[in-house]
Amino acid sequence: MDKLSLRAAAEDQLGAAYREEGGRAAVTVFPGRGRRLRQTVIALRGGAGPTEHDSPGEATVLVLTGRVRVSTGPGDVTEGTNGDLILLPETRHELEVLEDSVLLLSVAGG
C-alpha cells in the first residue's frame, strides 16, 4: 500500500506554478495508464486568465486550497473553495482562478 501527501504535492506544485510563465504546474499522482482512474494535482496562480476547455469525461475537482469558479455559461456557475468537491460537467466549461489555488482533478477513464 502506498501513501502520498497531497499537502506536500500542493506546496510543491504551487511553488512550481510561480516559476512558470503561465502560472500553472501539475503532477499526476495516480496514473491512469492501464487504469480507470487518473488523479492530477494542479496548481494555478491567482488571476490566471480563465481557461475554456472540453470535458475530460467523468471528472471531479477537489479544491485543496484557494478559490476557483467553474462555468458552462452565464446561468451555470459554481464557485469552490478549500475542501469543496466540484462535479465537472461533461460539456465544454471554463475554469477561472480567483486566488492561488491547488486542485485535485480526478478523471474516470473507460
PDB file of N, CA and C in Angstrom:
ATOM      1  N   MET A   1       0.845  -1.170   0.000  1.00  0.00           N
ATOM      2  CA  MET A   1       0.000   0.000   0.000  1.00  0.00           C
ATOM      3  C   MET A   1       0.893   1.237   0.000  1.00  0.00           C
ATOM      4  N   ASP A   2       0.553   2.198  -0.827  1.00  0.00           N
ATOM      5  CA  ASP A   2       1.323   3.443  -0.911  1.00  0.00           C
ATOM      6  C   ASP A   2       0.536   4.589  -0.293  1.00  0.00           C
ATOM      7  N   LYS A   3       1.265   5.607   0.097  1.00  0.00           N
ATOM      8  CA  LYS A   3       0.638   6.801   0.668  1.00  0.00           C
ATOM      9  C   LYS A   3       1.303   8.022   0.049  1.00  0.00           C
ATOM     10  N   LEU A   4       0.523   9.061  -0.181  1.00  0.00           N
ATOM     11  CA  LEU A   4       1.022  10.299  -0.779  1.00  0.00           C
ATOM     12  C   LEU A   4       0.495  11.471   0.029  1.00  0.00           C
ATOM     13  N   SER A   5       1.338  12.445   0.275  1.00  0.00           N
ATOM     14  CA  SER A   5       0.905  13.660   0.961  1.00  0.00           C
ATOM     15  C   SER A   5       0.412  14.664  -0.075  1.00  0.00           C
ATOM     16  N   LEU A   6      -0.902  14.868  -0.110  1.00  0.00           N
ATOM     17  CA  LEU A   6      -1.452  15.876  -1.014  1.00  0.00           C
ATOM     18  C   LEU A   6      -1.008  17.266  -0.590  1.00  0.00           C
ATOM     19  N   ARG A   7      -0.816  17.472   0.707  1.00  0.00           N
ATOM     20  CA  ARG A   7      -0.353  18.772   1.202  1.00  0.00           C
ATOM     21  C   ARG A   7       1.036  19.083   0.623  1.00  0.00           C
ATOM     22  N   ALA A   8       1.933  18.109   0.654  1.00  0.00           N
ATOM     23  CA  ALA A   8       3.281  18.321   0.111  1.00  0.00           C
ATOM     24  C   ALA A   8       3.235  18.516  -1.402  1.00  0.00           C
ATOM     25  N   ALA A   9       2.424  17.705  -2.083  1.00  0.00           N
ATOM     26  CA  ALA A   9       2.299  17.843  -3.541  1.00  0.00           C
ATOM     27  C   ALA A   9       1.743  19.213  -3.892  1.00  0.00           C
ATOM     28  N   ALA A  10       0.768  19.699  -3.109  1.00  0.00           N
ATOM     29  CA  ALA A  10       0.172  21.016  -3.349  1.00  0.00           C
ATOM     30  C   ALA A  10       1.213  22.114  -3.193  1.00  0.00           C
ATOM     31  N   GLU A  11       2.005  22.050  -2.137  1.00  0.00           N
ATOM     32  CA  GLU A  11       3.044  23.061  -1.901  1.00  0.00           C
ATOM     33  C   GLU A  11       4.078  23.043  -3.013  1.00  0.00           C
ATOM     34  N   ASP A  12       4.506  21.844  -3.410  1.00  0.00           N
ATOM     35  CA  ASP A  12       5.499  21.716  -4.492  1.00  0.00           C
ATOM     36  C   ASP A  12       4.978  22.309  -5.795  1.00  0.00           C
ATOM     37  N   GLN A  13       3.739  21.973  -6.145  1.00  0.00           N
ATOM     38  CA  GLN A  13       3.190  22.435  -7.417  1.00  0.00           C
ATOM     39  C   GLN A  13       2.900  23.931  -7.418  1.00  0.00           C
ATOM     40  N   LEU A  14       2.484  24.479  -6.280  1.00  0.00           N
ATOM     41  CA  LEU A  14       2.243  25.921  -6.233  1.00  0.00           C
ATOM     42  C   LEU A  14       3.562  26.670  -6.396  1.00  0.00           C
ATOM     43  N   GLY A  15       4.623  26.166  -5.775  1.00  0.00           N
ATOM     44  CA  GLY A  15       5.949  26.762  -5.975  1.00  0.00           C
ATOM     45  C   GLY A  15       6.356  26.703  -7.435  1.00  0.00           C
ATOM     46  N   ALA A  16       6.088  25.566  -8.074  1.00  0.00           N
ATOM     47  CA  ALA A  16       6.415  25.409  -9.498  1.00  0.00           C
ATOM     48  C   ALA A  16       5.575  26.348 -10.356  1.00  0.00           C
ATOM     49  N   ALA A  17       4.312  26.554  -9.995  1.00  0.00           N
ATOM     50  CA  ALA A  17       3.444  27.451 -10.765  1.00  0.00           C
ATOM     51  C   ALA A  17       3.987  28.875 -10.748  1.00  0.00           C
ATOM     52  N   TYR A  18       4.608  29.266  -9.638  1.00  0.00           N
ATOM     53  CA  TYR A  18       5.188  30.609  -9.558  1.00  0.00           C
ATOM     54  C   TYR A  18       6.452  30.738 -10.397  1.00  0.00           C
ATOM     55  N   ARG A  19       7.085  29.622 -10.680  1.00  0.00           N
ATOM     56  CA  ARG A  19       8.285  29.666 -11.529  1.00  0.00           C
ATOM     57  C   ARG A  19       7.939  29.593 -13.013  1.00  0.00           C
ATOM     58  N   GLU A  20       6.736  29.153 -13.328  1.00  0.00           N
ATOM     59  CA  GLU A  20       6.303  29.007 -14.717  1.00  0.00           C
ATOM     60  C   GLU A  20       5.682  30.301 -15.221  1.00  0.00           C
ATOM     61  N   GLU A  21       6.010  30.656 -16.445  1.00  0.00           N
ATOM     62  CA  GLU A  21       5.483  31.881 -17.039  1.00  0.00           C
ATOM     63  C   GLU A  21       3.959  31.893 -17.081  1.00  0.00           C
ATOM     64  N   GLY A  22       3.353  30.758 -17.373  1.00  0.00           N
ATOM     65  CA  GLY A  22       1.901  30.672 -17.476  1.00  0.00           C
ATOM     66  C   GLY A  22       1.183  30.568 -16.143  1.00  0.00           C
ATOM     67  N   GLY A  23       1.951  30.426 -15.061  1.00  0.00           N
ATOM     68  CA  GLY A  23       1.341  30.360 -13.742  1.00  0.00           C
ATOM     69  C   GLY A  23       0.637  29.057 -13.424  1.00  0.00           C
ATOM     70  N   ARG A  24       1.045  27.971 -14.095  1.00  0.00           N
ATOM     71  CA  ARG A  24       0.404  26.671 -13.894  1.00  0.00           C
ATOM     72  C   ARG A  24       1.459  25.580 -13.759  1.00  0.00           C
ATOM     73  N   ALA A  25       1.148  24.606 -12.912  1.00  0.00           N
ATOM     74  CA  ALA A  25       2.017  23.432 -12.786  1.00  0.00           C
ATOM     75  C   ALA A  25       1.140  22.258 -12.374  1.00  0.00           C
ATOM     76  N   ALA A  26       1.534  21.060 -12.774  1.00  0.00           N
ATOM     77  CA  ALA A  26       0.732  19.887 -12.449  1.00  0.00           C
ATOM     78  C   ALA A  26       1.604  18.648 -12.374  1.00  0.00           C
ATOM     79  N   VAL A  27       1.128  17.691 -11.581  1.00  0.00           N
ATOM     80  CA  VAL A  27       1.780  16.389 -11.500  1.00  0.00           C
ATOM     81  C   VAL A  27       0.687  15.333 -11.346  1.00  0.00           C
ATOM     82  N   THR A  28       0.794  14.262 -12.121  1.00  0.00           N
ATOM     83  CA  THR A  28      -0.145  13.157 -11.986  1.00  0.00           C
ATOM     84  C   THR A  28       0.312  12.315 -10.802  1.00  0.00           C
ATOM     85  N   VAL A  29      -0.578  12.153  -9.823  1.00  0.00           N
ATOM     86  CA  VAL A  29      -0.219  11.425  -8.605  1.00  0.00           C
ATOM     87  C   VAL A  29      -0.738   9.993  -8.616  1.00  0.00           C
ATOM     88  N   PHE A  30      -1.719   9.725  -9.452  1.00  0.00           N
ATOM     89  CA  PHE A  30      -2.221   8.368  -9.636  1.00  0.00           C
ATOM     90  C   PHE A  30      -2.439   8.174 -11.117  1.00  0.00           C
ATOM     91  N   PRO A  31      -1.488   7.502 -11.772  1.00  0.00           N
ATOM     92  CA  PRO A  31      -1.541   7.416 -13.232  1.00  0.00           C
ATOM     93  C   PRO A  31      -2.714   6.595 -13.738  1.00  0.00           C
ATOM     94  N   GLY A  32      -3.239   7.051 -14.864  1.00  0.00           N
ATOM     95  CA  GLY A  32      -4.348   6.369 -15.497  1.00  0.00           C
ATOM     96  C   GLY A  32      -3.918   5.280 -16.455  1.00  0.00           C
ATOM     97  N   ARG A  33      -2.617   5.172 -16.711  1.00  0.00           N
ATOM     98  CA  ARG A  33      -2.126   4.192 -17.672  1.00  0.00           C
ATOM     99  C   ARG A  33      -2.559   2.786 -17.265  1.00  0.00           C
ATOM    100  N   GLY A  34      -3.440   2.185 -18.045  1.00  0.00           N
ATOM    101  CA  GLY A  34      -3.908   0.846 -17.751  1.00  0.00           C
ATOM    102  C   GLY A  34      -4.898   0.795 -16.595  1.00  0.00           C
ATOM    103  N   ARG A  35      -5.323   1.941 -16.119  1.00  0.00           N
ATOM    104  CA  ARG A  35      -6.276   2.006 -15.006  1.00  0.00           C
ATOM    105  C   ARG A  35      -7.424   2.921 -15.397  1.00  0.00           C
ATOM    106  N   ARG A  36      -8.514   2.801 -14.675  1.00  0.00           N
ATOM    107  CA  ARG A  36      -9.671   3.641 -14.971  1.00  0.00           C
ATOM    108  C   ARG A  36      -9.553   5.039 -14.385  1.00  0.00           C
ATOM    109  N   LEU A  37      -8.824   5.181 -13.296  1.00  0.00           N
ATOM    110  CA  LEU A  37      -8.774   6.452 -12.580  1.00  0.00           C
ATOM    111  C   LEU A  37      -7.434   7.153 -12.788  1.00  0.00           C
ATOM    112  N   ARG A  38      -7.495   8.469 -13.050  1.00  0.00           N
ATOM    113  CA  ARG A  38      -6.279   9.298 -13.110  1.00  0.00           C
ATOM    114  C   ARG A  38      -6.513  10.490 -12.204  1.00  0.00           C
ATOM    115  N   GLN A  39      -5.546  10.768 -11.343  1.00  0.00           N
ATOM    116  CA  GLN A  39      -5.654  11.917 -10.449  1.00  0.00           C
ATOM    117  C   GLN A  39      -4.427  12.798 -10.628  1.00  0.00           C
ATOM    118  N   THR A  40      -4.680  14.103 -10.753  1.00  0.00           N
ATOM    119  CA  THR A  40      -3.627  15.068 -11.012  1.00  0.00           C
ATOM    120  C   THR A  40      -3.762  16.241 -10.056  1.00  0.00           C
ATOM    121  N   VAL A  41      -2.639  16.616  -9.418  1.00  0.00           N
ATOM    122  CA  VAL A  41      -2.607  17.820  -8.590  1.00  0.00           C
ATOM    123  C   VAL A  41      -2.226  18.962  -9.515  1.00  0.00           C
ATOM    124  N   ILE A  42      -3.080  19.988  -9.565  1.00  0.00           N
ATOM    125  CA  ILE A  42      -2.879  21.130 -10.449  1.00  0.00           C
ATOM    126  C   ILE A  42      -2.809  22.400  -9.604  1.00  0.00           C
ATOM    127  N   ALA A  43      -1.744  23.169  -9.787  1.00  0.00           N
ATOM    128  CA  ALA A  43      -1.597  24.452  -9.081  1.00  0.00           C
ATOM    129  C   ALA A  43      -1.721  25.576 -10.090  1.00  0.00           C
ATOM    130  N   LEU A  44      -2.446  26.627  -9.697  1.00  0.00           N
ATOM    131  CA  LEU A  44      -2.698  27.762 -10.572  1.00  0.00           C
ATOM    132  C   LEU A  44      -2.525  29.047  -9.779  1.00  0.00           C
ATOM    133  N   ARG A  45      -1.731  29.955 -10.324  1.00  0.00           N
ATOM    134  CA  ARG A  45      -1.587  31.264  -9.664  1.00  0.00           C
ATOM    135  C   ARG A  45      -2.880  32.044  -9.773  1.00  0.00           C
ATOM    136  N   GLY A  46      -3.187  32.785  -8.726  1.00  0.00           N
ATOM    137  CA  GLY A  46      -4.378  33.624  -8.732  1.00  0.00           C
ATOM    138  C   GLY A  46      -4.336  34.624  -9.859  1.00  0.00           C
ATOM    139  N   GLY A  47      -5.496  34.885 -10.446  1.00  0.00           N
ATOM    140  CA  GLY A  47      -5.575  35.859 -11.518  1.00  0.00           C
ATOM    141  C   GLY A  47      -5.242  35.296 -12.884  1.00  0.00           C
ATOM    142  N   ALA A  48      -4.832  34.032 -12.937  1.00  0.00           N
ATOM    143  CA  ALA A  48      -4.564  33.421 -14.242  1.00  0.00           C
ATOM    144  C   ALA A  48      -5.861  33.482 -15.039  1.00  0.00           C
ATOM    145  N   GLY A  49      -5.747  33.849 -16.290  1.00  0.00           N
ATOM    146  CA  GLY A  49      -6.934  34.026 -17.117  1.00  0.00           C
ATOM    147  C   GLY A  49      -7.793  32.790 -17.169  1.00  0.00           C
ATOM    148  N   PRO A  50      -9.078  32.966 -17.387  1.00  0.00           N
ATOM    149  CA  PRO A  50      -9.979  31.818 -17.489  1.00  0.00           C
ATOM    150  C   PRO A  50      -9.557  30.910 -18.638  1.00  0.00           C
ATOM    151  N   THR A  51      -9.704  29.631 -18.426  1.00  0.00           N
ATOM    152  CA  THR A  51      -9.396  28.680 -19.486  1.00  0.00           C
ATOM    153  C   THR A  51     -10.666  27.923 -19.834  1.00  0.00           C
ATOM    154  N   GLU A  52     -10.994  27.921 -21.099  1.00  0.00           N
ATOM    155  CA  GLU A  52     -12.152  27.179 -21.570  1.00  0.00           C
ATOM    156  C   GLU A  52     -11.641  25.915 -22.229  1.00  0.00           C
ATOM    157  N   HIS A  53     -12.253  24.798 -21.901  1.00  0.00           N
ATOM    158  CA  HIS A  53     -11.793  23.533 -22.458  1.00  0.00           C
ATOM    159  C   HIS A  53     -12.912  22.498 -22.456  1.00  0.00           C
ATOM    160  N   ASP A  54     -12.709  21.446 -23.260  1.00  0.00           N
ATOM    161  CA  ASP A  54     -13.674  20.356 -23.321  1.00  0.00           C
ATOM    162  C   ASP A  54     -13.579  19.525 -22.054  1.00  0.00           C
ATOM    163  N   SER A  55     -14.637  18.838 -21.758  1.00  0.00           N
ATOM    164  CA  SER A  55     -14.671  17.962 -20.598  1.00  0.00           C
ATOM    165  C   SER A  55     -13.786  16.744 -20.840  1.00  0.00           C
ATOM    166  N   PRO A  56     -13.072  16.316 -19.785  1.00  0.00           N
ATOM    167  CA  PRO A  56     -12.265  15.100 -19.936  1.00  0.00           C
ATOM    168  C   PRO A  56     -13.120  13.840 -19.768  1.00  0.00           C
ATOM    169  N   GLY A  57     -14.430  13.985 -19.637  1.00  0.00           N
ATOM    170  CA  GLY A  57     -15.324  12.862 -19.347  1.00  0.00           C
ATOM    171  C   GLY A  57     -15.793  12.981 -17.908  1.00  0.00           C
ATOM    172  N   GLU A  58     -16.081  11.849 -17.290  1.00  0.00           N
ATOM    173  CA  GLU A  58     -16.497  11.871 -15.884  1.00  0.00           C
ATOM    174  C   GLU A  58     -15.342  12.379 -15.045  1.00  0.00           C
ATOM    175  N   ALA A  59     -15.566  13.502 -14.343  1.00  0.00           N
ATOM    176  CA  ALA A  59     -14.458  14.105 -13.593  1.00  0.00           C
ATOM    177  C   ALA A  59     -14.970  14.954 -12.437  1.00  0.00           C
ATOM    178  N   THR A  60     -14.102  15.063 -11.428  1.00  0.00           N
ATOM    179  CA  THR A  60     -14.365  15.946 -10.296  1.00  0.00           C
ATOM    180  C   THR A  60     -13.111  16.759 -10.013  1.00  0.00           C
ATOM    181  N   VAL A  61     -13.311  17.888  -9.351  1.00  0.00           N
ATOM    182  CA  VAL A  61     -12.201  18.709  -8.880  1.00  0.00           C
ATOM    183  C   VAL A  61     -12.400  18.912  -7.381  1.00  0.00           C
ATOM    184  N   LEU A  62     -11.393  18.538  -6.609  1.00  0.00           N
ATOM    185  CA  LEU A  62     -11.384  18.808  -5.174  1.00  0.00           C
ATOM    186  C   LEU A  62     -10.480  20.017  -4.971  1.00  0.00           C
ATOM    187  N   VAL A  63     -11.027  21.094  -4.426  1.00  0.00           N
ATOM    188  CA  VAL A  63     -10.241  22.299  -4.175  1.00  0.00           C
ATOM    189  C   VAL A  63      -9.461  22.066  -2.880  1.00  0.00           C
ATOM    190  N   LEU A  64      -8.147  21.882  -3.019  1.00  0.00           N
ATOM    191  CA  LEU A  64      -7.305  21.659  -1.846  1.00  0.00           C
ATOM    192  C   LEU A  64      -7.039  22.977  -1.133  1.00  0.00           C
ATOM    193  N   THR A  65      -6.720  24.006  -1.909  1.00  0.00           N
ATOM    194  CA  THR A  65      -6.528  25.356  -1.365  1.00  0.00           C
ATOM    195  C   THR A  65      -6.984  26.356  -2.412  1.00  0.00           C
ATOM    196  N   GLY A  66      -7.385  27.530  -1.955  1.00  0.00           N
ATOM    197  CA  GLY A  66      -7.710  28.616  -2.874  1.00  0.00           C
ATOM    198  C   GLY A  66      -9.185  28.720  -3.184  1.00  0.00           C
ATOM    199  N   ARG A  67      -9.453  29.368  -4.327  1.00  0.00           N
ATOM    200  CA  ARG A  67     -10.832  29.620  -4.750  1.00  0.00           C
ATOM    201  C   ARG A  67     -10.891  29.674  -6.268  1.00  0.00           C
ATOM    202  N   VAL A  68     -11.816  28.922  -6.852  1.00  0.00           N
ATOM    203  CA  VAL A  68     -11.987  28.864  -8.305  1.00  0.00           C
ATOM    204  C   VAL A  68     -13.465  28.989  -8.653  1.00  0.00           C
ATOM    205  N   ARG A  69     -13.711  29.261  -9.916  1.00  0.00           N
ATOM    206  CA  ARG A  69     -15.076  29.332 -10.440  1.00  0.00           C
ATOM    207  C   ARG A  69     -15.121  28.489 -11.710  1.00  0.00           C
ATOM    208  N   VAL A  70     -16.126  27.621 -11.801  1.00  0.00           N
ATOM    209  CA  VAL A  70     -16.338  26.792 -12.993  1.00  0.00           C
ATOM    210  C   VAL A  70     -17.682  27.188 -13.588  1.00  0.00           C
ATOM    211  N   SER A  71     -17.705  27.383 -14.898  1.00  0.00           N
ATOM    212  CA  SER A  71     -18.979  27.750 -15.530  1.00  0.00           C
ATOM    213  C   SER A  71     -19.103  27.114 -16.906  1.00  0.00           C
ATOM    214  N   THR A  72     -20.361  26.893 -17.289  1.00  0.00           N
ATOM    215  CA  THR A  72     -20.655  26.423 -18.636  1.00  0.00           C
ATOM    216  C   THR A  72     -21.402  27.493 -19.411  1.00  0.00           C
ATOM    217  N   GLY A  73     -21.678  28.613 -18.754  1.00  0.00           N
ATOM    218  CA  GLY A  73     -22.398  29.722 -19.366  1.00  0.00           C
ATOM    219  C   GLY A  73     -22.875  30.659 -18.274  1.00  0.00           C
ATOM    220  N   PRO A  74     -23.491  31.763 -18.662  1.00  0.00           N
ATOM    221  CA  PRO A  74     -23.893  32.780 -17.691  1.00  0.00           C
ATOM    222  C   PRO A  74     -24.791  32.267 -16.567  1.00  0.00           C
ATOM    223  N   GLY A  75     -25.662  31.318 -16.835  1.00  0.00           N
ATOM    224  CA  GLY A  75     -26.584  30.847 -15.815  1.00  0.00           C
ATOM    225  C   GLY A  75     -26.116  29.631 -15.040  1.00  0.00           C
ATOM    226  N   ASP A  76     -24.938  29.117 -15.359  1.00  0.00           N
ATOM    227  CA  ASP A  76     -24.458  27.882 -14.729  1.00  0.00           C
ATOM    228  C   ASP A  76     -23.039  28.091 -14.213  1.00  0.00           C
ATOM    229  N   VAL A  77     -22.939  28.638 -12.993  1.00  0.00           N
ATOM    230  CA  VAL A  77     -21.646  28.989 -12.398  1.00  0.00           C
ATOM    231  C   VAL A  77     -21.565  28.374 -11.005  1.00  0.00           C
ATOM    232  N   THR A  78     -20.417  27.769 -10.702  1.00  0.00           N
ATOM    233  CA  THR A  78     -20.172  27.199  -9.378  1.00  0.00           C
ATOM    234  C   THR A  78     -18.824  27.678  -8.881  1.00  0.00           C
ATOM    235  N   GLU A  79     -18.795  28.186  -7.642  1.00  0.00           N
ATOM    236  CA  GLU A  79     -17.524  28.554  -7.015  1.00  0.00           C
ATOM    237  C   GLU A  79     -17.147  27.479  -6.017  1.00  0.00           C
ATOM    238  N   GLY A  80     -15.840  27.246  -5.904  1.00  0.00           N
ATOM    239  CA  GLY A  80     -15.345  26.275  -4.939  1.00  0.00           C
ATOM    240  C   GLY A  80     -14.184  26.859  -4.165  1.00  0.00           C
ATOM    241  N   THR A  81     -14.090  26.463  -2.898  1.00  0.00           N
ATOM    242  CA  THR A  81     -13.003  26.889  -2.028  1.00  0.00           C
ATOM    243  C   THR A  81     -12.519  25.677  -1.226  1.00  0.00           C
ATOM    244  N   ASN A  82     -11.568  25.891  -0.350  1.00  0.00           N
ATOM    245  CA  ASN A  82     -10.925  24.812   0.404  1.00  0.00           C
ATOM    246  C   ASN A  82     -11.890  23.698   0.813  1.00  0.00           C
ATOM    247  N   GLY A  83     -11.619  22.503   0.319  1.00  0.00           N
ATOM    248  CA  GLY A  83     -12.404  21.340   0.704  1.00  0.00           C
ATOM    249  C   GLY A  83     -13.634  21.071  -0.131  1.00  0.00           C
ATOM    250  N   ASP A  84     -13.981  21.970  -1.061  1.00  0.00           N
ATOM    251  CA  ASP A  84     -15.163  21.756  -1.902  1.00  0.00           C
ATOM    252  C   ASP A  84     -14.852  20.772  -3.024  1.00  0.00           C
ATOM    253  N   LEU A  85     -15.809  19.905  -3.300  1.00  0.00           N
ATOM    254  CA  LEU A  85     -15.723  18.972  -4.416  1.00  0.00           C
ATOM    255  C   LEU A  85     -16.682  19.449  -5.492  1.00  0.00           C
ATOM    256  N   ILE A  86     -16.146  19.728  -6.671  1.00  0.00           N
ATOM    257  CA  ILE A  86     -16.956  20.207  -7.790  1.00  0.00           C
ATOM    258  C   ILE A  86     -17.102  19.067  -8.788  1.00  0.00           C
ATOM    259  N   LEU A  87     -18.337  18.735  -9.107  1.00  0.00           N
ATOM    260  CA  LEU A  87     -18.617  17.712 -10.106  1.00  0.00           C
ATOM    261  C   LEU A  87     -18.599  18.407 -11.460  1.00  0.00           C
ATOM    262  N   LEU A  88     -17.596  18.126 -12.248  1.00  0.00           N
ATOM    263  CA  LEU A  88     -17.446  18.829 -13.531  1.00  0.00           C
ATOM    264  C   LEU A  88     -18.494  18.361 -14.531  1.00  0.00           C
ATOM    265  N   PRO A  89     -19.019  19.305 -15.297  1.00  0.00           N
ATOM    266  CA  PRO A  89     -19.996  18.932 -16.327  1.00  0.00           C
ATOM    267  C   PRO A  89     -19.287  18.188 -17.453  1.00  0.00           C
ATOM    268  N   GLU A  90     -20.019  17.318 -18.107  1.00  0.00           N
ATOM    269  CA  GLU A  90     -19.438  16.588 -19.238  1.00  0.00           C
ATOM    270  C   GLU A  90     -19.641  17.369 -20.531  1.00  0.00           C
ATOM    271  N   THR A  91     -19.508  18.694 -20.416  1.00  0.00           N
ATOM    272  CA  THR A  91     -19.613  19.604 -21.560  1.00  0.00           C
ATOM    273  C   THR A  91     -18.449  20.584 -21.476  1.00  0.00           C
ATOM    274  N   ARG A  92     -18.284  21.350 -22.515  1.00  0.00           N
ATOM    275  CA  ARG A  92     -17.244  22.381 -22.531  1.00  0.00           C
ATOM    276  C   ARG A  92     -17.495  23.343 -21.365  1.00  0.00           C
ATOM    277  N   HIS A  93     -16.444  23.702 -20.641  1.00  0.00           N
ATOM    278  CA  HIS A  93     -16.598  24.579 -19.484  1.00  0.00           C
ATOM    279  C   HIS A  93     -15.359  25.452 -19.314  1.00  0.00           C
ATOM    280  N   GLU A  94     -15.496  26.422 -18.423  1.00  0.00           N
ATOM    281  CA  GLU A  94     -14.427  27.396 -18.178  1.00  0.00           C
ATOM    282  C   GLU A  94     -14.037  27.339 -16.701  1.00  0.00           C
ATOM    283  N   LEU A  95     -12.734  27.436 -16.449  1.00  0.00           N
ATOM    284  CA  LEU A  95     -12.215  27.492 -15.084  1.00  0.00           C
ATOM    285  C   LEU A  95     -11.544  28.839 -14.890  1.00  0.00           C
ATOM    286  N   GLU A  96     -11.985  29.564 -13.870  1.00  0.00           N
ATOM    287  CA  GLU A  96     -11.392  30.858 -13.527  1.00  0.00           C
ATOM    288  C   GLU A  96     -10.745  30.733 -12.156  1.00  0.00           C
ATOM    289  N   VAL A  97      -9.515  31.210 -12.038  1.00  0.00           N
ATOM    290  CA  VAL A  97      -8.756  31.119 -10.796  1.00  0.00           C
ATOM    291  C   VAL A  97      -8.886  32.457 -10.063  1.00  0.00           C
ATOM    292  N   LEU A  98      -9.642  32.460  -8.974  1.00  0.00           N
ATOM    293  CA  LEU A  98      -9.921  33.692  -8.244  1.00  0.00           C
ATOM    294  C   LEU A  98      -8.804  34.055  -7.271  1.00  0.00           C
ATOM    295  N   GLU A  99      -8.058  33.055  -6.798  1.00  0.00           N
ATOM    296  CA  GLU A  99      -6.869  33.271  -5.958  1.00  0.00           C
ATOM    297  C   GLU A  99      -5.982  32.051  -6.126  1.00  0.00           C
ATOM    298  N   ASP A 100      -4.733  32.144  -5.676  1.00  0.00           N
ATOM    299  CA  ASP A 100      -3.842  30.990  -5.780  1.00  0.00           C
ATOM    300  C   ASP A 100      -4.609  29.743  -5.364  1.00  0.00           C
ATOM    301  N   SER A 101      -4.566  28.707  -6.209  1.00  0.00           N
ATOM    302  CA  SER A 101      -5.366  27.516  -5.949  1.00  0.00           C
ATOM    303  C   SER A 101      -4.601  26.254  -6.314  1.00  0.00           C
ATOM    304  N   VAL A 102      -4.898  25.206  -5.554  1.00  0.00           N
ATOM    305  CA  VAL A 102      -4.388  23.880  -5.875  1.00  0.00           C
ATOM    306  C   VAL A 102      -5.589  22.947  -5.892  1.00  0.00           C
ATOM    307  N   LEU A 103      -5.699  22.176  -6.975  1.00  0.00           N
ATOM    308  CA  LEU A 103      -6.839  21.307  -7.208  1.00  0.00           C
ATOM    309  C   LEU A 103      -6.377  19.860  -7.370  1.00  0.00           C
ATOM    310  N   LEU A 104      -7.235  18.946  -6.986  1.00  0.00           N
ATOM    311  CA  LEU A 104      -7.033  17.532  -7.307  1.00  0.00           C
ATOM    312  C   LEU A 104      -8.076  17.165  -8.333  1.00  0.00           C
ATOM    313  N   LEU A 105      -7.632  16.979  -9.577  1.00  0.00           N
ATOM    314  CA  LEU A 105      -8.513  16.597 -10.668  1.00  0.00           C
ATOM    315  C   LEU A 105      -8.551  15.067 -10.739  1.00  0.00           C
ATOM    316  N   SER A 106      -9.737  14.499 -10.634  1.00  0.00           N
ATOM    317  CA  SER A 106      -9.923  13.049 -10.750  1.00  0.00           C
ATOM    318  C   SER A 106     -10.741  12.779 -11.991  1.00  0.00           C
ATOM    319  N   VAL A 107     -10.218  11.934 -12.875  1.00  0.00           N
ATOM    320  CA  VAL A 107     -10.877  11.629 -14.132  1.00  0.00           C
ATOM    321  C   VAL A 107     -11.032  10.111 -14.248  1.00  0.00           C
ATOM    322  N   ALA A 108     -12.254   9.678 -14.538  1.00  0.00           N
ATOM    323  CA  ALA A 108     -12.523   8.257 -14.732  1.00  0.00           C
ATOM    324  C   ALA A 108     -12.441   7.941 -16.218  1.00  0.00           C
ATOM    325  N   GLY A 109     -11.615   7.000 -16.573  1.00  0.00           N
ATOM    326  CA  GLY A 109     -11.461   6.603 -17.965  1.00  0.00           C
ATOM    327  C   GLY A 109     -12.304   5.388 -18.274  1.00  0.00           C
ATOM    328  N   GLY A 110     -12.357   5.057 -19.543  1.00  0.00           N
ATOM    329  CA  GLY A 110     -13.181   3.928 -19.947  1.00  0.00           C
ATOM    330  C   GLY A 110     -12.458   2.667 -20.104  1.00  0.00           C
TER     331      GLY A 110
END
